[in-house]
Protein backbone atom coordinates (compact mmCIF):
# COMPACT_ATOMS: atom_id res chain seq x y z
CA UNK A 1 68.22 -133.96 -132.14
CA UNK A 2 67.94 -130.54 -130.48
CA UNK A 3 68.57 -129.41 -126.92
CA UNK A 4 64.79 -129.41 -126.43
CA UNK A 5 64.88 -133.20 -126.79
CA UNK A 6 67.25 -133.56 -123.83
CA UNK A 7 65.84 -133.80 -120.27
CA UNK A 8 67.12 -130.37 -119.26
CA UNK A 9 65.44 -127.75 -117.09
CA UNK A 10 63.52 -124.98 -118.82
CA UNK A 11 65.98 -122.38 -117.50
CA UNK A 12 68.89 -124.16 -119.17
CA UNK A 13 67.02 -124.47 -122.46
CA UNK A 14 66.23 -120.76 -122.32
CA UNK A 15 69.92 -119.96 -121.74
CA UNK A 16 70.87 -122.13 -124.70
CA UNK A 17 68.32 -120.52 -126.98
CA UNK A 18 69.45 -117.04 -125.89
CA UNK A 19 72.90 -117.96 -127.15
CA UNK A 20 71.48 -119.41 -130.37
CA UNK A 21 72.53 -122.93 -129.40
CA UNK A 22 69.88 -125.21 -130.88
CA UNK A 23 71.51 -128.52 -131.81
CA UNK A 24 74.03 -130.31 -129.59
CA UNK A 25 77.39 -131.22 -131.08
CA UNK A 26 78.19 -134.95 -131.41
CA UNK A 27 80.10 -135.07 -128.12
CA UNK A 28 77.29 -133.22 -126.34
CA UNK A 29 74.67 -135.49 -127.89
CA UNK A 30 76.49 -138.67 -126.76
CA UNK A 31 77.93 -137.53 -123.41
CA UNK A 32 75.09 -135.54 -121.82
CA UNK A 33 72.50 -138.38 -121.51
CA UNK A 34 74.78 -140.81 -119.59
CA UNK A 35 76.13 -137.93 -117.50
CA UNK A 36 72.56 -136.99 -116.55
CA UNK A 37 72.11 -140.60 -115.39
CA UNK A 38 75.06 -140.15 -112.98
CA UNK A 39 77.26 -142.55 -114.97
CA UNK A 40 81.00 -142.13 -115.38
CA UNK A 41 81.91 -140.76 -118.83
CA UNK A 42 85.21 -140.81 -120.72
CA UNK A 43 84.94 -138.57 -123.80
CA UNK A 44 87.42 -137.80 -126.54
CA UNK A 45 86.51 -135.28 -129.24
CA UNK A 46 88.23 -132.75 -131.45
CA UNK A 47 89.06 -129.27 -130.21
CA UNK A 48 86.24 -126.78 -130.59
CA UNK A 49 83.57 -129.52 -130.43
CA UNK A 50 81.81 -128.23 -127.30
CA UNK A 51 83.26 -130.53 -124.64
CA UNK A 52 82.90 -127.89 -121.91
CA UNK A 53 79.12 -127.66 -122.26
CA UNK A 54 78.98 -131.47 -122.32
CA UNK A 55 79.84 -131.55 -118.60
CA UNK A 56 78.57 -128.12 -117.54
CA UNK A 57 74.95 -128.84 -118.52
CA UNK A 58 74.62 -132.13 -116.56
CA UNK A 59 76.14 -130.52 -113.46
CA UNK A 60 73.79 -127.54 -113.65
CA UNK A 61 70.84 -129.87 -114.21
CA UNK A 62 71.66 -131.82 -111.04
CA UNK A 63 71.98 -128.61 -109.01
CA UNK A 64 68.63 -127.34 -110.30
CA UNK A 65 66.85 -130.62 -109.58
CA UNK A 66 68.37 -131.08 -106.13
CA UNK A 67 69.60 -127.71 -104.80
CA UNK A 68 69.76 -128.80 -101.17
CA UNK A 69 71.29 -132.26 -101.35
CA UNK A 70 74.51 -131.23 -99.60
CA UNK A 71 75.02 -129.32 -96.34
CA UNK A 72 75.48 -125.59 -96.42
CA UNK A 73 78.90 -124.35 -97.48
CA UNK A 74 79.88 -127.63 -99.05
CA UNK A 75 81.47 -128.08 -102.46
CA UNK A 76 79.41 -130.50 -104.57
CA UNK A 77 81.24 -130.39 -107.92
CA UNK A 78 84.96 -130.16 -108.60
CA UNK A 79 86.40 -129.44 -112.05
CA UNK A 80 90.17 -129.86 -112.47
CA UNK A 81 91.90 -128.14 -115.39
CA UNK A 82 95.60 -127.81 -116.35
CA UNK A 83 95.88 -124.01 -116.80
CA UNK A 84 94.62 -120.79 -115.26
CA UNK A 85 93.15 -119.54 -118.54
CA UNK A 86 91.10 -122.69 -118.97
CA UNK A 87 89.86 -122.41 -115.36
CA UNK A 88 88.56 -118.90 -116.02
CA UNK A 89 86.94 -119.97 -119.28
CA UNK A 90 85.14 -122.96 -117.75
CA UNK A 91 83.89 -120.81 -114.87
CA UNK A 92 82.52 -118.32 -117.39
CA UNK A 93 80.54 -121.07 -119.15
CA UNK A 94 79.04 -122.11 -115.81
CA UNK A 95 78.14 -118.49 -115.12
CA UNK A 96 76.57 -117.93 -118.54
CA UNK A 97 74.41 -121.05 -118.60
CA UNK A 98 73.48 -121.04 -114.91
CA UNK A 99 73.16 -117.31 -114.26
CA UNK A 100 69.37 -117.36 -113.87
CA UNK A 101 69.56 -120.00 -111.10
CA UNK A 102 72.06 -118.13 -108.91
CA UNK A 103 74.51 -121.05 -108.84
CA UNK A 104 77.82 -120.04 -107.25
CA UNK A 105 81.05 -120.92 -109.03
CA UNK A 106 84.55 -120.28 -107.66
CA UNK A 107 87.84 -120.31 -109.58
CA UNK A 108 90.98 -121.54 -107.81
CA UNK A 109 94.37 -121.17 -109.53
CA UNK A 110 97.90 -120.04 -108.83
CA UNK A 111 99.81 -116.96 -109.93
CA UNK A 112 97.60 -114.58 -107.91
CA UNK A 113 96.91 -113.90 -104.26
CA UNK A 114 94.80 -116.58 -102.61
CA UNK A 115 92.87 -114.10 -100.41
CA UNK A 116 89.92 -113.62 -102.75
CA UNK A 117 89.78 -117.32 -103.55
CA UNK A 118 89.66 -118.24 -99.87
CA UNK A 119 86.91 -115.68 -99.31
CA UNK A 120 84.96 -117.12 -102.25
CA UNK A 121 85.33 -120.66 -100.94
CA UNK A 122 84.01 -119.63 -97.54
CA UNK A 123 80.76 -118.51 -99.21
CA UNK A 124 79.94 -122.12 -100.11
CA UNK A 125 80.10 -122.37 -103.92
CA UNK A 126 78.37 -125.38 -105.47
CA UNK A 127 81.04 -125.63 -108.19
CA UNK A 128 84.80 -125.12 -107.89
CA UNK A 129 87.00 -124.97 -110.99
CA UNK A 130 90.64 -125.40 -109.99
CA UNK A 131 94.16 -126.15 -111.08
CA UNK A 132 95.67 -129.02 -109.05
CA UNK A 133 98.61 -127.12 -107.52
CA UNK A 134 96.67 -124.25 -105.94
CA UNK A 135 93.89 -126.58 -104.80
CA UNK A 136 96.40 -128.75 -102.92
CA UNK A 137 97.86 -125.64 -101.27
CA UNK A 138 94.43 -124.60 -100.01
CA UNK A 139 93.70 -128.16 -98.89
CA UNK A 140 96.87 -128.15 -96.81
CA UNK A 141 95.70 -124.89 -95.19
CA UNK A 142 92.27 -126.44 -94.55
CA UNK A 143 90.44 -123.90 -96.66
CA UNK A 144 88.88 -126.63 -98.81
CA UNK A 145 86.52 -129.45 -97.80
CA UNK A 146 86.10 -132.18 -100.42
CA UNK A 147 84.02 -134.55 -98.30
CA UNK A 148 80.73 -133.62 -100.04
CA UNK A 149 81.89 -133.71 -103.67
CA UNK A 150 79.38 -135.58 -105.83
CA UNK A 151 81.03 -135.13 -109.24
CA UNK A 152 84.68 -134.90 -110.32
CA UNK A 153 85.51 -133.56 -113.79
CA UNK A 154 88.95 -133.81 -115.40
CA UNK A 155 89.05 -131.41 -118.35
CA UNK A 156 91.92 -131.71 -120.86
CA UNK A 157 92.92 -134.73 -118.82
CA UNK A 158 95.82 -135.84 -121.01
CA UNK A 159 97.56 -132.48 -120.79
CA UNK A 160 96.97 -132.27 -117.06
CA UNK A 161 98.66 -135.63 -116.49
CA UNK A 162 101.44 -134.94 -119.00
CA UNK A 163 102.29 -131.63 -117.28
CA UNK A 164 103.37 -133.49 -114.16
CA UNK A 165 100.09 -133.29 -112.23
CA UNK A 166 99.80 -137.07 -111.84
CA UNK A 167 100.75 -137.08 -108.17
CA UNK A 168 98.69 -133.97 -107.45
CA UNK A 169 95.59 -135.47 -109.07
CA UNK A 170 96.14 -138.71 -107.17
CA UNK A 171 96.24 -136.84 -103.83
CA UNK A 172 93.08 -134.91 -104.68
CA UNK A 173 91.21 -138.06 -105.76
CA UNK A 174 92.23 -139.78 -102.52
CA UNK A 175 90.54 -136.97 -100.53
CA UNK A 176 87.23 -137.32 -102.41
CA UNK A 177 84.31 -139.53 -101.37
CA UNK A 178 84.49 -143.00 -102.88
CA UNK A 179 80.92 -142.77 -104.13
CA UNK A 180 80.90 -140.05 -106.77
CA UNK A 181 80.54 -139.47 -110.49
CA UNK A 182 83.68 -139.10 -112.65
CA UNK A 183 83.76 -137.28 -115.99
CA UNK A 184 86.92 -137.03 -118.14
CA UNK A 185 87.20 -135.00 -121.35
CA UNK A 186 90.07 -134.47 -123.77
CA UNK A 187 90.91 -133.94 -127.43
CA UNK A 188 93.62 -136.62 -127.38
CA UNK A 189 93.79 -139.81 -125.39
CA UNK A 190 96.81 -142.08 -125.05
CA UNK A 191 96.70 -145.67 -123.73
CA UNK A 192 98.77 -144.60 -120.71
CA UNK A 193 96.23 -141.95 -119.74
CA UNK A 194 93.39 -144.45 -120.17
CA UNK A 195 95.22 -146.85 -117.89
CA UNK A 196 95.48 -144.17 -115.20
CA UNK A 197 91.80 -143.20 -115.50
CA UNK A 198 90.77 -146.84 -115.21
CA UNK A 199 92.09 -146.82 -111.64
CA UNK A 200 89.24 -144.67 -110.33
CA UNK A 201 86.53 -144.56 -113.02
CA UNK A 202 83.78 -147.16 -112.69
CA UNK A 203 82.63 -148.72 -115.98
CA UNK A 204 82.78 -145.39 -117.83
CA UNK A 205 80.67 -144.77 -120.90
CA UNK A 206 83.17 -144.17 -123.70
CA UNK A 207 82.29 -141.33 -126.07
CA UNK A 208 84.64 -141.24 -129.06
CA UNK A 209 83.08 -138.95 -131.64
CA UNK A 210 86.30 -138.75 -133.68
CA UNK A 211 89.35 -140.88 -134.19
CA UNK A 212 91.72 -140.30 -131.30
CA UNK A 213 94.67 -137.97 -132.07
CA UNK A 214 93.23 -136.36 -135.18
CA UNK A 215 92.95 -132.76 -136.32
CA UNK A 216 89.62 -131.13 -137.08
CA UNK A 217 88.55 -131.61 -140.68
CA UNK A 218 87.62 -127.93 -140.96
CA UNK A 219 91.28 -126.88 -140.47
CA UNK A 220 93.37 -126.51 -143.61
CA UNK A 221 96.79 -127.17 -142.09
CA UNK A 222 100.02 -127.12 -144.11
CA UNK A 223 103.78 -126.91 -143.63
CA UNK A 224 106.27 -124.44 -145.08
CA UNK A 225 109.93 -125.33 -145.57
CA UNK A 226 111.87 -122.21 -144.59
CA UNK A 227 115.25 -121.38 -143.14
CA UNK A 228 115.29 -120.08 -139.57
CA UNK A 229 116.70 -116.74 -140.74
CA UNK A 230 113.66 -116.18 -142.99
CA UNK A 231 110.88 -117.21 -140.60
CA UNK A 232 110.00 -113.62 -139.72
CA UNK A 233 109.80 -112.65 -143.39
CA UNK A 234 107.51 -115.60 -144.14
CA UNK A 235 105.30 -114.75 -141.16
CA UNK A 236 104.93 -111.18 -142.36
CA UNK A 237 104.08 -112.45 -145.85
CA UNK A 238 101.35 -114.79 -144.58
CA UNK A 239 99.79 -112.07 -142.43
CA UNK A 240 99.58 -109.77 -145.48
CA UNK A 241 98.38 -112.57 -147.76
CA UNK A 242 95.40 -113.57 -145.64
CA UNK A 243 94.41 -110.13 -144.27
CA UNK A 244 90.95 -108.82 -145.09
CA UNK A 245 90.16 -105.66 -147.05
CA UNK A 246 90.91 -103.57 -143.96
CA UNK A 247 94.30 -105.22 -143.56
CA UNK A 248 93.21 -107.09 -140.41
CA UNK A 249 93.47 -110.75 -139.49
CA UNK A 250 93.17 -112.42 -136.10
CA UNK A 251 96.26 -114.59 -135.77
CA UNK A 252 97.63 -116.87 -133.06
CA UNK A 253 101.38 -117.58 -133.33
CA UNK A 254 103.03 -120.31 -131.28
CA UNK A 255 106.67 -120.33 -130.23
CA UNK A 256 108.72 -122.93 -128.39
CA UNK A 257 109.94 -120.73 -125.52
CA UNK A 258 108.77 -117.81 -123.40
CA UNK A 259 111.74 -115.65 -124.39
CA UNK A 260 111.10 -116.52 -128.01
CA UNK A 261 107.52 -115.28 -127.68
CA UNK A 262 108.69 -111.96 -126.21
CA UNK A 263 111.35 -111.49 -128.90
CA UNK A 264 108.94 -112.27 -131.74
CA UNK A 265 106.28 -109.89 -130.36
CA UNK A 266 108.87 -107.08 -130.20
CA UNK A 267 109.99 -107.75 -133.79
CA UNK A 268 106.41 -107.71 -135.05
CA UNK A 269 105.65 -104.45 -133.26
CA UNK A 270 108.79 -102.97 -134.82
CA UNK A 271 107.24 -103.87 -138.21
CA UNK A 272 104.02 -102.02 -137.23
CA UNK A 273 102.21 -105.35 -136.70
CA UNK A 274 100.37 -105.12 -133.40
CA UNK A 275 101.36 -108.15 -131.32
CA UNK A 276 101.18 -109.20 -127.67
CA UNK A 277 103.00 -112.07 -125.98
CA UNK A 278 101.41 -114.42 -123.47
CA UNK A 279 103.20 -117.15 -121.52
CA UNK A 280 103.76 -118.57 -118.06
CA UNK A 281 106.14 -115.82 -116.90
CA UNK A 282 103.46 -113.17 -117.38
CA UNK A 283 101.35 -112.25 -114.39
CA UNK A 284 97.80 -113.53 -114.35
CA UNK A 285 96.41 -110.01 -114.74
CA UNK A 286 98.64 -109.39 -117.77
CA UNK A 287 97.57 -112.68 -119.35
CA UNK A 288 93.89 -111.93 -118.80
CA UNK A 289 94.24 -108.42 -120.24
CA UNK A 290 96.00 -109.77 -123.34
CA UNK A 291 93.39 -112.47 -123.88
CA UNK A 292 90.44 -110.12 -123.34
CA UNK A 293 91.89 -107.61 -125.77
CA UNK A 294 92.54 -110.37 -128.31
CA UNK A 295 88.93 -111.54 -127.98
CA UNK A 296 87.53 -108.04 -128.51
CA UNK A 297 89.68 -107.02 -131.49
CA UNK A 298 88.66 -107.96 -135.00
CA UNK A 299 92.33 -108.45 -135.85
CA UNK A 300 95.61 -108.51 -133.99
CA UNK A 301 98.34 -111.05 -133.33
CA UNK A 302 98.82 -113.02 -130.12
CA UNK A 303 102.20 -114.71 -129.70
CA UNK A 304 102.01 -117.56 -127.22
CA UNK A 305 103.62 -120.66 -125.86
CA UNK A 306 101.58 -123.82 -125.32
CA UNK A 307 99.86 -122.09 -122.39
CA UNK A 308 97.23 -120.98 -124.94
CA UNK A 309 97.05 -124.27 -126.83
CA UNK A 310 94.68 -126.10 -124.51
CA UNK A 311 90.99 -125.50 -124.19
CA UNK A 312 90.95 -121.75 -124.83
CA UNK A 313 87.93 -120.76 -126.88
CA UNK A 314 88.56 -117.50 -128.73
CA UNK A 315 86.05 -116.94 -131.49
CA UNK A 316 87.10 -115.78 -134.93
CA UNK A 317 90.76 -116.83 -135.03
CA UNK A 318 91.49 -116.81 -138.77
CA UNK A 319 95.04 -118.08 -138.77
CA UNK A 320 97.27 -120.25 -136.56
CA UNK A 321 101.00 -120.32 -137.21
CA UNK A 322 103.47 -122.70 -135.60
CA UNK A 323 106.51 -120.44 -135.75
CA UNK A 324 108.30 -123.28 -133.91
CA UNK A 325 107.13 -126.85 -134.25
CA UNK A 326 105.78 -128.41 -131.04
CA UNK A 327 107.69 -131.28 -129.50
CA UNK A 328 104.62 -133.48 -129.11
CA UNK A 329 101.95 -134.54 -131.56
CA UNK A 330 99.06 -133.83 -129.21
CA UNK A 331 100.30 -130.25 -128.80
CA UNK A 332 100.10 -129.89 -132.58
CA UNK A 333 96.48 -131.08 -132.54
CA UNK A 334 95.58 -128.55 -129.84
CA UNK A 335 97.49 -125.69 -131.47
CA UNK A 336 95.83 -125.96 -134.88
CA UNK A 337 92.52 -126.54 -133.10
CA UNK A 338 92.45 -122.93 -131.91
CA UNK A 339 90.99 -122.06 -135.32
CA UNK A 340 87.96 -123.57 -137.08
CA UNK A 341 86.00 -123.87 -133.85
CA UNK A 342 82.28 -124.64 -133.56
CA UNK A 343 81.96 -125.65 -137.20
CA UNK A 344 83.87 -122.69 -138.70
CA UNK A 345 86.81 -123.05 -141.08
CA UNK A 346 90.40 -121.90 -140.60
CA UNK A 347 94.00 -122.15 -141.72
CA UNK A 348 97.15 -123.28 -139.97
CA UNK A 349 100.77 -123.13 -141.14
CA UNK A 350 103.77 -124.80 -139.54
CA UNK A 351 107.31 -123.62 -140.26
CA UNK A 352 109.81 -126.45 -140.74
CA UNK A 353 113.47 -125.42 -140.50
CA UNK A 354 116.88 -126.97 -139.93
CA UNK A 355 116.78 -129.80 -137.41
CA UNK A 356 112.97 -130.12 -137.40
CA UNK A 357 112.82 -133.41 -139.30
CA UNK A 358 112.43 -135.52 -136.15
CA UNK A 359 109.65 -133.27 -134.81
CA UNK A 360 107.82 -133.33 -138.13
CA UNK A 361 107.98 -137.12 -138.37
CA UNK A 362 106.69 -137.42 -134.81
CA UNK A 363 103.73 -135.12 -135.54
CA UNK A 364 102.78 -136.92 -138.74
CA UNK A 365 103.08 -140.28 -137.02
CA UNK A 366 100.80 -139.03 -134.23
CA UNK A 367 98.06 -137.66 -136.50
CA UNK A 368 98.60 -140.55 -138.97
CA UNK A 369 98.71 -138.39 -142.05
CA UNK A 370 101.24 -136.52 -144.15
CA UNK A 371 100.79 -132.77 -143.91
CA UNK A 372 100.60 -130.99 -147.30
CA UNK A 373 103.49 -128.69 -148.26
CA UNK A 374 103.23 -125.07 -149.42
CA UNK A 375 105.84 -124.55 -152.13
CA UNK A 376 104.66 -121.28 -153.69
CA UNK A 377 105.69 -118.91 -150.89
CA UNK A 378 108.49 -116.36 -151.50
CA UNK A 379 111.02 -118.08 -149.23
CA UNK A 380 111.09 -121.75 -150.26
CA UNK A 381 113.99 -123.97 -149.33
CA UNK A 382 114.15 -127.02 -151.54
CA UNK A 383 117.47 -128.05 -150.04
CA UNK A 384 115.84 -128.50 -146.63
CA UNK A 385 113.00 -130.53 -148.09
CA UNK A 386 115.41 -132.75 -150.01
CA UNK A 387 117.55 -133.26 -146.91
CA UNK A 388 114.51 -134.40 -144.86
CA UNK A 389 112.89 -137.30 -146.72
CA UNK A 390 109.37 -138.05 -145.56
CA UNK A 391 107.50 -141.32 -145.44
CA UNK A 392 103.80 -141.93 -145.22
CA UNK A 393 102.86 -142.51 -141.56
CA UNK A 394 102.02 -146.08 -140.64
CA UNK A 395 98.37 -146.83 -140.15
CA UNK A 396 97.37 -148.34 -136.79
CA UNK A 397 97.02 -152.09 -136.64
CA UNK A 398 93.51 -153.41 -136.23
CA UNK A 399 93.03 -154.79 -132.75
CA UNK A 400 91.48 -158.18 -132.33
CA UNK A 401 88.69 -158.68 -129.87
CA UNK A 402 89.94 -159.36 -126.40
CA UNK A 403 89.65 -158.29 -122.78
CA UNK A 404 89.10 -154.58 -122.26
CA UNK A 405 91.54 -152.30 -120.49
CA UNK A 406 91.18 -151.40 -116.87
CA UNK A 407 90.38 -153.48 -113.79
CA UNK A 408 89.24 -157.07 -114.19
CA UNK A 409 85.69 -158.20 -113.51
CA UNK A 410 86.74 -159.29 -110.03
CA UNK A 411 87.85 -155.73 -109.26
CA UNK A 412 91.58 -156.57 -109.27
CA UNK A 413 94.05 -154.49 -111.31
CA UNK A 414 94.76 -155.82 -114.79
CA UNK A 415 98.02 -157.75 -114.98
CA UNK A 416 100.64 -156.20 -117.23
CA UNK A 417 101.32 -159.38 -119.21
CA UNK A 418 103.41 -157.61 -121.83
CA UNK A 419 106.00 -156.34 -119.38
CA UNK A 420 105.88 -159.67 -117.55
CA UNK A 421 106.71 -161.55 -120.73
CA UNK A 422 109.56 -159.14 -121.44
CA UNK A 423 110.99 -159.67 -118.00
CA UNK A 424 110.63 -163.42 -118.47
CA UNK A 425 112.46 -163.29 -121.79
CA UNK A 426 115.13 -161.08 -120.28
CA UNK A 427 115.55 -163.50 -117.38
CA UNK A 428 115.84 -166.37 -119.85
CA UNK A 429 118.56 -164.60 -121.78
CA UNK A 430 120.39 -163.75 -118.58
CA UNK A 431 120.21 -167.36 -117.40
CA UNK A 432 121.50 -168.59 -120.76
CA UNK A 433 124.36 -166.10 -120.67
CA UNK A 434 125.26 -167.14 -117.12
CA UNK A 435 125.26 -170.79 -118.17
CA UNK A 436 127.56 -169.98 -121.08
CA UNK A 437 129.89 -168.12 -118.73
CA UNK A 438 130.10 -171.07 -116.34
CA UNK A 439 130.77 -173.44 -119.24
CA UNK A 440 133.51 -171.20 -120.59
CA UNK A 441 135.10 -170.96 -117.15
CA UNK A 442 135.12 -174.75 -116.88
CA UNK A 443 137.02 -174.94 -120.19
CA UNK A 444 139.57 -172.46 -118.95
CA UNK A 445 138.43 -169.56 -121.10
CA UNK A 446 136.81 -166.27 -120.21
CA UNK A 447 133.65 -165.01 -121.81
CA UNK A 448 131.70 -161.88 -120.92
CA UNK A 449 127.95 -162.41 -120.56
CA UNK A 450 125.98 -160.15 -122.88
CA UNK A 451 124.06 -157.40 -121.14
CA UNK A 452 120.30 -157.31 -121.42
CA UNK A 453 119.00 -154.03 -122.80
CA UNK A 454 115.33 -154.80 -122.17
CA UNK A 455 113.64 -152.22 -119.95
CA UNK A 456 110.07 -152.50 -118.71
CA UNK A 457 107.96 -149.54 -117.69
CA UNK A 458 104.49 -149.73 -116.22
CA UNK A 459 102.56 -146.47 -116.10
CA UNK A 460 99.93 -148.12 -113.94
CA UNK A 461 102.58 -148.98 -111.37
CA UNK A 462 103.71 -145.35 -111.35
CA UNK A 463 100.11 -144.32 -110.59
CA UNK A 464 99.93 -146.67 -107.56
CA UNK A 465 103.18 -145.44 -105.99
């Protein structure tokens, strides 16, 4: 299949050909047709698989076919993203593919003055790409009208909900028209996130082009056992090992903290290795300058926190290094996914030091594979490896056929039978313990009833609060 086979406007096909985009990726091939039919779509695909274009093209197609469906100065499409950098990137894709049609796109995000954003909203953009926090601020000031929104897109939805935007997203969804299209895209998808999405998506078409929570096959990712005191030496060695004939290599290094990113960038510059730090404490202008410079250079090192791990599409990253292991498995998937994008190949190394055994086991359990070890580097630490025994991750159990997740056919929320049975068992144990206590008291003895340690947690209930 090629893009010419899809029911897209000639202007969009010309834009795609101008960018040498001929064949859609698997997620684009499977998600674009139902999205063009105004169906809800829930898509999960690996990083770098073209998820952004999978929702940008259907939105642009609708605007081209029906440019005057909504009143003047009314927002028709809302795209929610977790970070400022991703908001800018998505807006750029809209601008590139829809430039010939004069479609207006406005970015809304925090960290900068809202004056220009308010002015842009007053011009009546057809598409608004926003982070939840700043959008809510502008809604409270009555600068935003969501009453005419026809399509809601949640990009990198799992990260957006994990970052604490659950309540913000819920408030925004409540302000939208009930009749609308919903599109959700992510590289990882947990059952809890699916449960939340089921509350407002209507019979979504599920597009799962890859196994959920997996790394891209084009990424050669490995771990290096190394002491914390020798991490910098190993990083310098890897940069020299993989540099091209001109001594250049485009590298993205991830650290656990903002201060750690600043310290590492200073140490690399002291070693005559050009490096720039990017994290949440940097101003938006500084972050954009660092990213633009990193995109333009053929080499260079960008030291970042997880702010750069989600959705950012920087072409030509040769090497990704987890200087500090991430605390979550999905962050690992997104970090190593910054390389080997759009069918290219790439390398990723993760440094494992003292106290990282729990993090490593969590990552391998999440991706369901054991990461290969590099033992031939100059700073090996066999004592660390021996002190952290590894086991092959458990494979997921095969699910038997049964009722699907989400609301029941009658439109009522699905009953959380698992938590109900736990509470029932807990109540049974408590009643038994109480009976034993009364019996012991009758015999003149004292007996302390055992405490129940069972705790139930319903993510769906949290969403409804």
